[in-house]
Structure formats: structure tokens, C-alpha cells
Amino acid sequence: MVDRAPRRAAQDAGRDPDALKTAIRINVGPGTSVDSLADRLKQLAESGTDEAYVDAFAMLHSLDQMLDFAGQVIARTGGL
């Protein structure tokens, strides 16, 4: 769930709360499936998260593995 307190604080300070963006880092560990990551990214998008940085270095050790995994996640999320 995205914390709405920063938006309220911006509003209270007379600033534009829409200028704030929410970014989440997801550390993908060994055994994480494409489907579980895709589901998590969909949940985050639905809750209002603007960006997600996925760090899969602990699980994937080559560029080819990372590109394949990322391609599968993008296919399952529709590229959110």
C-alpha cells in the first residue's frame, strides 16, 4: 500500500501533491517466479506506485538471463 502522508504534507504546505512520485525497489531473490513478480508489479501499479526498480542480481547472473526474465515479466504485465 502506498503511503498517502507525503501527498497530504505537500498539500498542507501549499505544494502540488501530483508533482510527487512514488518509487519502489524490489529485490528479487532466488526462486522468485515471473508470475509472482508480475503480480506484485500489478498490485503496486493498482495502488498508485509510479515506478518500480527491480533488482534481480541476486537471482540472475547473466545479461541474457536478466533480459529473458524481464521480457517474460513485461509480457505478463502488459508493460504497465
PDB file of N, CA and C in Angstrom:
ATOM      1  N   MET A   1       0.842  -1.177   0.000  1.00  0.00           N
ATOM      2  CA  MET A   1       0.000   0.000   0.000  1.00  0.00           C
ATOM      3  C   MET A   1       0.890   1.244   0.000  1.00  0.00           C
ATOM      4  N   VAL A   2       0.499   2.232  -0.764  1.00  0.00           N
ATOM      5  CA  VAL A   2       1.267   3.457  -0.882  1.00  0.00           C
ATOM      6  C   VAL A   2       0.879   4.408   0.241  1.00  0.00           C
ATOM      7  N   ASP A   3       1.873   4.983   0.882  1.00  0.00           N
ATOM      8  CA  ASP A   3       1.666   5.930   1.975  1.00  0.00           C
ATOM      9  C   ASP A   3       1.194   7.265   1.402  1.00  0.00           C
ATOM     10  N   ARG A   4       0.072   7.736   1.851  1.00  0.00           N
ATOM     11  CA  ARG A   4      -0.503   8.999   1.351  1.00  0.00           C
ATOM     12  C   ARG A   4      -0.064  10.209   2.177  1.00  0.00           C
ATOM     13  N   ALA A   5       0.684  10.002   3.252  1.00  0.00           N
ATOM     14  CA  ALA A   5       1.109  11.110   4.106  1.00  0.00           C
ATOM     15  C   ALA A   5       1.929  12.157   3.348  1.00  0.00           C
ATOM     16  N   PRO A   6       2.848  11.757   2.472  1.00  0.00           N
ATOM     17  CA  PRO A   6       3.596  12.786   1.736  1.00  0.00           C
ATOM     18  C   PRO A   6       2.694  13.682   0.873  1.00  0.00           C
ATOM     19  N   ARG A   7       1.651  13.107   0.308  1.00  0.00           N
ATOM     20  CA  ARG A   7       0.725  13.924  -0.501  1.00  0.00           C
ATOM     21  C   ARG A   7       0.001  14.941   0.377  1.00  0.00           C
ATOM     22  N   ARG A   8      -0.407  14.485   1.560  1.00  0.00           N
ATOM     23  CA  ARG A   8      -1.076  15.408   2.490  1.00  0.00           C
ATOM     24  C   ARG A   8      -0.119  16.499   2.940  1.00  0.00           C
ATOM     25  N   ALA A   9       1.119  16.139   3.205  1.00  0.00           N
ATOM     26  CA  ALA A   9       2.113  17.120   3.638  1.00  0.00           C
ATOM     27  C   ALA A   9       2.372  18.151   2.540  1.00  0.00           C
ATOM     28  N   ALA A  10       2.445  17.702   1.306  1.00  0.00           N
ATOM     29  CA  ALA A  10       2.648  18.636   0.195  1.00  0.00           C
ATOM     30  C   ALA A  10       1.460  19.590   0.085  1.00  0.00           C
ATOM     31  N   GLN A  11       0.276  19.027   0.181  1.00  0.00           N
ATOM     32  CA  GLN A  11      -0.936  19.842   0.106  1.00  0.00           C
ATOM     33  C   GLN A  11      -0.964  20.865   1.241  1.00  0.00           C
ATOM     34  N   ASP A  12      -0.664  20.410   2.456  1.00  0.00           N
ATOM     35  CA  ASP A  12      -0.661  21.309   3.623  1.00  0.00           C
ATOM     36  C   ASP A  12       0.353  22.433   3.468  1.00  0.00           C
ATOM     37  N   ALA A  13       1.433  22.168   2.725  1.00  0.00           N
ATOM     38  CA  ALA A  13       2.483  23.180   2.518  1.00  0.00           C
ATOM     39  C   ALA A  13       2.195  24.056   1.299  1.00  0.00           C
ATOM     40  N   GLY A  14       1.034  23.849   0.667  1.00  0.00           N
ATOM     41  CA  GLY A  14       0.678  24.649  -0.491  1.00  0.00           C
ATOM     42  C   GLY A  14       1.385  24.213  -1.765  1.00  0.00           C
ATOM     43  N   ARG A  15       1.848  22.996  -1.788  1.00  0.00           N
ATOM     44  CA  ARG A  15       2.548  22.455  -2.972  1.00  0.00           C
ATOM     45  C   ARG A  15       1.632  21.484  -3.701  1.00  0.00           C
ATOM     46  N   ASP A  16       2.003  21.211  -4.940  1.00  0.00           N
ATOM     47  CA  ASP A  16       1.211  20.318  -5.777  1.00  0.00           C
ATOM     48  C   ASP A  16       1.507  18.863  -5.429  1.00  0.00           C
ATOM     49  N   PRO A  17       0.563  18.135  -4.822  1.00  0.00           N
ATOM     50  CA  PRO A  17       0.819  16.736  -4.476  1.00  0.00           C
ATOM     51  C   PRO A  17       0.994  15.841  -5.705  1.00  0.00           C
ATOM     52  N   ASP A  18       0.484  16.270  -6.857  1.00  0.00           N
ATOM     53  CA  ASP A  18       0.641  15.472  -8.075  1.00  0.00           C
ATOM     54  C   ASP A  18       2.069  15.511  -8.618  1.00  0.00           C
ATOM     55  N   ALA A  19       2.875  16.441  -8.110  1.00  0.00           N
ATOM     56  CA  ALA A  19       4.279  16.508  -8.527  1.00  0.00           C
ATOM     57  C   ALA A  19       5.107  15.412  -7.843  1.00  0.00           C
ATOM     58  N   LEU A  20       4.564  14.824  -6.780  1.00  0.00           N
ATOM     59  CA  LEU A  20       5.266  13.744  -6.074  1.00  0.00           C
ATOM     60  C   LEU A  20       5.092  12.436  -6.823  1.00  0.00           C
ATOM     61  N   LYS A  21       6.133  11.648  -6.849  1.00  0.00           N
ATOM     62  CA  LYS A  21       6.076  10.327  -7.472  1.00  0.00           C
ATOM     63  C   LYS A  21       6.478   9.286  -6.433  1.00  0.00           C
ATOM     64  N   THR A  22       5.923   8.108  -6.554  1.00  0.00           N
ATOM     65  CA  THR A  22       6.244   7.009  -5.659  1.00  0.00           C
ATOM     66  C   THR A  22       7.075   5.990  -6.414  1.00  0.00           C
ATOM     67  N   ALA A  23       8.242   5.680  -5.875  1.00  0.00           N
ATOM     68  CA  ALA A  23       9.120   4.688  -6.487  1.00  0.00           C
ATOM     69  C   ALA A  23       9.409   3.592  -5.466  1.00  0.00           C
ATOM     70  N   ILE A  24       9.372   2.362  -5.918  1.00  0.00           N
ATOM     71  CA  ILE A  24       9.590   1.201  -5.058  1.00  0.00           C
ATOM     72  C   ILE A  24      10.739   0.378  -5.630  1.00  0.00           C
ATOM     73  N   ARG A  25      11.598  -0.112  -4.750  1.00  0.00           N
ATOM     74  CA  ARG A  25      12.655  -1.033  -5.168  1.00  0.00           C
ATOM     75  C   ARG A  25      12.237  -2.434  -4.742  1.00  0.00           C
ATOM     76  N   ILE A  26      12.333  -3.370  -5.674  1.00  0.00           N
ATOM     77  CA  ILE A  26      12.011  -4.765  -5.391  1.00  0.00           C
ATOM     78  C   ILE A  26      13.278  -5.580  -5.578  1.00  0.00           C
ATOM     79  N   ASN A  27      13.742  -6.201  -4.512  1.00  0.00           N
ATOM     80  CA  ASN A  27      14.899  -7.086  -4.586  1.00  0.00           C
ATOM     81  C   ASN A  27      14.386  -8.502  -4.829  1.00  0.00           C
ATOM     82  N   VAL A  28      14.702  -9.025  -6.002  1.00  0.00           N
ATOM     83  CA  VAL A  28      14.238 -10.350  -6.391  1.00  0.00           C
ATOM     84  C   VAL A  28      15.274 -11.379  -5.947  1.00  0.00           C
ATOM     85  N   GLY A  29      14.832 -12.318  -5.131  1.00  0.00           N
ATOM     86  CA  GLY A  29      15.736 -13.339  -4.628  1.00  0.00           C
ATOM     87  C   GLY A  29      15.601 -14.652  -5.362  1.00  0.00           C
ATOM     88  N   PRO A  30      16.516 -15.559  -5.106  1.00  0.00           N
ATOM     89  CA  PRO A  30      16.467 -16.877  -5.739  1.00  0.00           C
ATOM     90  C   PRO A  30      15.107 -17.541  -5.541  1.00  0.00           C
ATOM     91  N   GLY A  31      14.606 -18.125  -6.602  1.00  0.00           N
ATOM     92  CA  GLY A  31      13.323 -18.824  -6.533  1.00  0.00           C
ATOM     93  C   GLY A  31      12.118 -17.960  -6.850  1.00  0.00           C
ATOM     94  N   THR A  32      12.316 -16.660  -7.037  1.00  0.00           N
ATOM     95  CA  THR A  32      11.190 -15.793  -7.370  1.00  0.00           C
ATOM     96  C   THR A  32      10.704 -16.128  -8.775  1.00  0.00           C
ATOM     97  N   SER A  33       9.424 -16.324  -8.913  1.00  0.00           N
ATOM     98  CA  SER A  33       8.879 -16.669 -10.229  1.00  0.00           C
ATOM     99  C   SER A  33       8.485 -15.410 -10.998  1.00  0.00           C
ATOM    100  N   VAL A  34       8.426 -15.570 -12.300  1.00  0.00           N
ATOM    101  CA  VAL A  34       7.969 -14.488 -13.162  1.00  0.00           C
ATOM    102  C   VAL A  34       6.551 -14.084 -12.754  1.00  0.00           C
ATOM    103  N   ASP A  35       5.696 -15.075 -12.516  1.00  0.00           N
ATOM    104  CA  ASP A  35       4.308 -14.772 -12.155  1.00  0.00           C
ATOM    105  C   ASP A  35       4.202 -14.006 -10.844  1.00  0.00           C
ATOM    106  N   SER A  36       4.989 -14.376  -9.833  1.00  0.00           N
ATOM    107  CA  SER A  36       4.896 -13.674  -8.549  1.00  0.00           C
ATOM    108  C   SER A  36       5.371 -12.228  -8.677  1.00  0.00           C
ATOM    109  N   LEU A  37       6.435 -12.004  -9.451  1.00  0.00           N
ATOM    110  CA  LEU A  37       6.899 -10.632  -9.651  1.00  0.00           C
ATOM    111  C   LEU A  37       5.885  -9.834 -10.461  1.00  0.00           C
ATOM    112  N   ALA A  38       5.330 -10.435 -11.501  1.00  0.00           N
ATOM    113  CA  ALA A  38       4.325  -9.741 -12.309  1.00  0.00           C
ATOM    114  C   ALA A  38       3.111  -9.371 -11.463  1.00  0.00           C
ATOM    115  N   ASP A  39       2.676 -10.282 -10.603  1.00  0.00           N
ATOM    116  CA  ASP A  39       1.542  -9.992  -9.713  1.00  0.00           C
ATOM    117  C   ASP A  39       1.866  -8.844  -8.771  1.00  0.00           C
ATOM    118  N   ARG A  40       3.070  -8.853  -8.231  1.00  0.00           N
ATOM    119  CA  ARG A  40       3.485  -7.776  -7.313  1.00  0.00           C
ATOM    120  C   ARG A  40       3.508  -6.431  -8.027  1.00  0.00           C
ATOM    121  N   LEU A  41       4.032  -6.403  -9.236  1.00  0.00           N
ATOM    122  CA  LEU A  41       4.082  -5.157 -10.005  1.00  0.00           C
ATOM    123  C   LEU A  41       2.678  -4.660 -10.330  1.00  0.00           C
ATOM    124  N   LYS A  42       1.770  -5.563 -10.654  1.00  0.00           N
ATOM    125  CA  LYS A  42       0.379  -5.175 -10.923  1.00  0.00           C
ATOM    126  C   LYS A  42      -0.259  -4.577  -9.670  1.00  0.00           C
ATOM    127  N   GLN A  43      -0.029  -5.211  -8.512  1.00  0.00           N
ATOM    128  CA  GLN A  43      -0.568  -4.694  -7.251  1.00  0.00           C
ATOM    129  C   GLN A  43      -0.041  -3.296  -6.969  1.00  0.00           C
ATOM    130  N   LEU A  44       1.248  -3.102  -7.172  1.00  0.00           N
ATOM    131  CA  LEU A  44       1.842  -1.789  -6.934  1.00  0.00           C
ATOM    132  C   LEU A  44       1.254  -0.733  -7.864  1.00  0.00           C
ATOM    133  N   ALA A  45       1.086  -1.076  -9.139  1.00  0.00           N
ATOM    134  CA  ALA A  45       0.501  -0.135 -10.096  1.00  0.00           C
ATOM    135  C   ALA A  45      -0.922   0.232  -9.693  1.00  0.00           C
ATOM    136  N   GLU A  46      -1.688  -0.765  -9.274  1.00  0.00           N
ATOM    137  CA  GLU A  46      -3.070  -0.518  -8.857  1.00  0.00           C
ATOM    138  C   GLU A  46      -3.150   0.338  -7.598  1.00  0.00           C
ATOM    139  N   SER A  47      -2.119   0.271  -6.759  1.00  0.00           N
ATOM    140  CA  SER A  47      -2.136   1.053  -5.518  1.00  0.00           C
ATOM    141  C   SER A  47      -1.591   2.463  -5.715  1.00  0.00           C
ATOM    142  N   GLY A  48      -1.145   2.779  -6.942  1.00  0.00           N
ATOM    143  CA  GLY A  48      -0.705   4.145  -7.205  1.00  0.00           C
ATOM    144  C   GLY A  48       0.797   4.340  -7.301  1.00  0.00           C
ATOM    145  N   THR A  49       1.564   3.278  -7.262  1.00  0.00           N
ATOM    146  CA  THR A  49       3.012   3.396  -7.406  1.00  0.00           C
ATOM    147  C   THR A  49       3.340   3.836  -8.828  1.00  0.00           C
ATOM    148  N   ASP A  50       4.216   4.834  -8.946  1.00  0.00           N
ATOM    149  CA  ASP A  50       4.577   5.363 -10.261  1.00  0.00           C
ATOM    150  C   ASP A  50       5.699   4.585 -10.926  1.00  0.00           C
ATOM    151  N   GLU A  51       6.665   4.128 -10.137  1.00  0.00           N
ATOM    152  CA  GLU A  51       7.832   3.445 -10.686  1.00  0.00           C
ATOM    153  C   GLU A  51       8.235   2.286  -9.788  1.00  0.00           C
ATOM    154  N   ALA A  52       8.783   1.256 -10.409  1.00  0.00           N
ATOM    155  CA  ALA A  52       9.339   0.142  -9.645  1.00  0.00           C
ATOM    156  C   ALA A  52      10.693  -0.208 -10.254  1.00  0.00           C
ATOM    157  N   TYR A  53      11.689  -0.281  -9.412  1.00  0.00           N
ATOM    158  CA  TYR A  53      13.027  -0.681  -9.823  1.00  0.00           C
ATOM    159  C   TYR A  53      13.213  -2.117  -9.356  1.00  0.00           C
ATOM    160  N   VAL A  54      13.432  -3.017 -10.290  1.00  0.00           N
ATOM    161  CA  VAL A  54      13.576  -4.426  -9.954  1.00  0.00           C
ATOM    162  C   VAL A  54      15.043  -4.806 -10.005  1.00  0.00           C
ATOM    163  N   ASP A  55      15.561  -5.239  -8.870  1.00  0.00           N
ATOM    164  CA  ASP A  55      16.962  -5.666  -8.764  1.00  0.00           C
ATOM    165  C   ASP A  55      16.984  -7.188  -8.675  1.00  0.00           C
ATOM    166  N   ALA A  56      17.424  -7.819  -9.768  1.00  0.00           N
ATOM    167  CA  ALA A  56      17.428  -9.279  -9.833  1.00  0.00           C
ATOM    168  C   ALA A  56      18.842  -9.856  -9.828  1.00  0.00           C
ATOM    169  N   PHE A  57      19.820  -9.054  -9.446  1.00  0.00           N
ATOM    170  CA  PHE A  57      21.206  -9.513  -9.489  1.00  0.00           C
ATOM    171  C   PHE A  57      21.482 -10.683  -8.555  1.00  0.00           C
ATOM    172  N   ALA A  58      20.728 -10.814  -7.471  1.00  0.00           N
ATOM    173  CA  ALA A  58      20.937 -11.934  -6.550  1.00  0.00           C
ATOM    174  C   ALA A  58      20.449 -13.252  -7.145  1.00  0.00           C
ATOM    175  N   MET A  59      19.576 -13.162  -8.134  1.00  0.00           N
ATOM    176  CA  MET A  59      18.982 -14.366  -8.704  1.00  0.00           C
ATOM    177  C   MET A  59      19.509 -14.670 -10.109  1.00  0.00           C
ATOM    178  N   LEU A  60      19.749 -13.641 -10.874  1.00  0.00           N
ATOM    179  CA  LEU A  60      20.138 -13.813 -12.270  1.00  0.00           C
ATOM    180  C   LEU A  60      21.561 -13.309 -12.453  1.00  0.00           C
ATOM    181  N   HIS A  61      22.380 -14.111 -13.075  1.00  0.00           N
ATOM    182  CA  HIS A  61      23.803 -13.795 -13.098  1.00  0.00           C
ATOM    183  C   HIS A  61      24.347 -13.416 -14.465  1.00  0.00           C
ATOM    184  N   SER A  62      23.504 -13.417 -15.485  1.00  0.00           N
ATOM    185  CA  SER A  62      23.998 -13.004 -16.793  1.00  0.00           C
ATOM    186  C   SER A  62      22.994 -12.048 -17.430  1.00  0.00           C
ATOM    187  N   LEU A  63      23.470 -11.255 -18.343  1.00  0.00           N
ATOM    188  CA  LEU A  63      22.600 -10.314 -19.042  1.00  0.00           C
ATOM    189  C   LEU A  63      21.508 -11.057 -19.807  1.00  0.00           C
ATOM    190  N   ASP A  64      21.848 -12.168 -20.422  1.00  0.00           N
ATOM    191  CA  ASP A  64      20.845 -12.950 -21.159  1.00  0.00           C
ATOM    192  C   ASP A  64      19.723 -13.428 -20.230  1.00  0.00           C
ATOM    193  N   GLN A  65      20.083 -13.894 -19.022  1.00  0.00           N
ATOM    194  CA  GLN A  65      19.072 -14.337 -18.061  1.00  0.00           C
ATOM    195  C   GLN A  65      18.176 -13.165 -17.657  1.00  0.00           C
ATOM    196  N   MET A  66      18.794 -12.010 -17.404  1.00  0.00           N
ATOM    197  CA  MET A  66      18.025 -10.837 -16.985  1.00  0.00           C
ATOM    198  C   MET A  66      17.073 -10.372 -18.081  1.00  0.00           C
ATOM    199  N   LEU A  67      17.565 -10.342 -19.315  1.00  0.00           N
ATOM    200  CA  LEU A  67      16.714  -9.915 -20.424  1.00  0.00           C
ATOM    201  C   LEU A  67      15.555 -10.882 -20.645  1.00  0.00           C
ATOM    202  N   ASP A  68      15.816 -12.171 -20.522  1.00  0.00           N
ATOM    203  CA  ASP A  68      14.757 -13.174 -20.677  1.00  0.00           C
ATOM    204  C   ASP A  68      13.716 -13.018 -19.578  1.00  0.00           C
ATOM    205  N   PHE A  69      14.163 -12.901 -18.329  1.00  0.00           N
ATOM    206  CA  PHE A  69      13.264 -12.746 -17.190  1.00  0.00           C
ATOM    207  C   PHE A  69      12.439 -11.469 -17.336  1.00  0.00           C
ATOM    208  N   ALA A  70      13.104 -10.364 -17.680  1.00  0.00           N
ATOM    209  CA  ALA A  70      12.404  -9.084 -17.848  1.00  0.00           C
ATOM    210  C   ALA A  70      11.377  -9.166 -18.966  1.00  0.00           C
ATOM    211  N   GLY A  71      11.729  -9.817 -20.065  1.00  0.00           N
ATOM    212  CA  GLY A  71      10.792  -9.965 -21.172  1.00  0.00           C
ATOM    213  C   GLY A  71       9.548 -10.733 -20.771  1.00  0.00           C
ATOM    214  N   GLN A  72       9.733 -11.765 -19.971  1.00  0.00           N
ATOM    215  CA  GLN A  72       8.588 -12.550 -19.507  1.00  0.00           C
ATOM    216  C   GLN A  72       7.699 -11.728 -18.567  1.00  0.00           C
ATOM    217  N   VAL A  73       8.330 -10.953 -17.679  1.00  0.00           N
ATOM    218  CA  VAL A  73       7.552 -10.111 -16.751  1.00  0.00           C
ATOM    219  C   VAL A  73       6.780  -9.060 -17.536  1.00  0.00           C
ATOM    220  N   ILE A  74       7.420  -8.426 -18.492  1.00  0.00           N
ATOM    221  CA  ILE A  74       6.749  -7.398 -19.303  1.00  0.00           C
ATOM    222  C   ILE A  74       5.583  -8.011 -20.058  1.00  0.00           C
ATOM    223  N   ALA A  75       5.752  -9.192 -20.601  1.00  0.00           N
ATOM    224  CA  ALA A  75       4.665  -9.857 -21.321  1.00  0.00           C
ATOM    225  C   ALA A  75       3.469 -10.125 -20.406  1.00  0.00           C
ATOM    226  N   ARG A  76       3.729 -10.464 -19.145  1.00  0.00           N
ATOM    227  CA  ARG A  76       2.640 -10.787 -18.203  1.00  0.00           C
ATOM    228  C   ARG A  76       1.984  -9.545 -17.607  1.00  0.00           C
ATOM    229  N   THR A  77       2.690  -8.419 -17.618  1.00  0.00           N
ATOM    230  CA  THR A  77       2.113  -7.198 -17.036  1.00  0.00           C
ATOM    231  C   THR A  77       1.569  -6.257 -18.090  1.00  0.00           C
ATOM    232  N   GLY A  78       1.789  -6.578 -19.353  1.00  0.00           N
ATOM    233  CA  GLY A  78       1.339  -5.672 -20.404  1.00  0.00           C
ATOM    234  C   GLY A  78       2.184  -4.418 -20.474  1.00  0.00           C
ATOM    235  N   GLY A  79       3.368  -4.477 -19.887  1.00  0.00           N
ATOM    236  CA  GLY A  79       4.279  -3.334 -19.932  1.00  0.00           C
ATOM    237  C   GLY A  79       3.891  -2.192 -19.008  1.00  0.00           C
ATOM    238  N   LEU A  80       2.893  -2.401 -18.162  1.00  0.00           N
ATOM    239  CA  LEU A  80       2.444  -1.364 -17.239  1.00  0.00           C
ATOM    240  C   LEU A  80       3.087  -0.054 -17.559  1.00  0.00           C
TER     241      LEU A  80
END
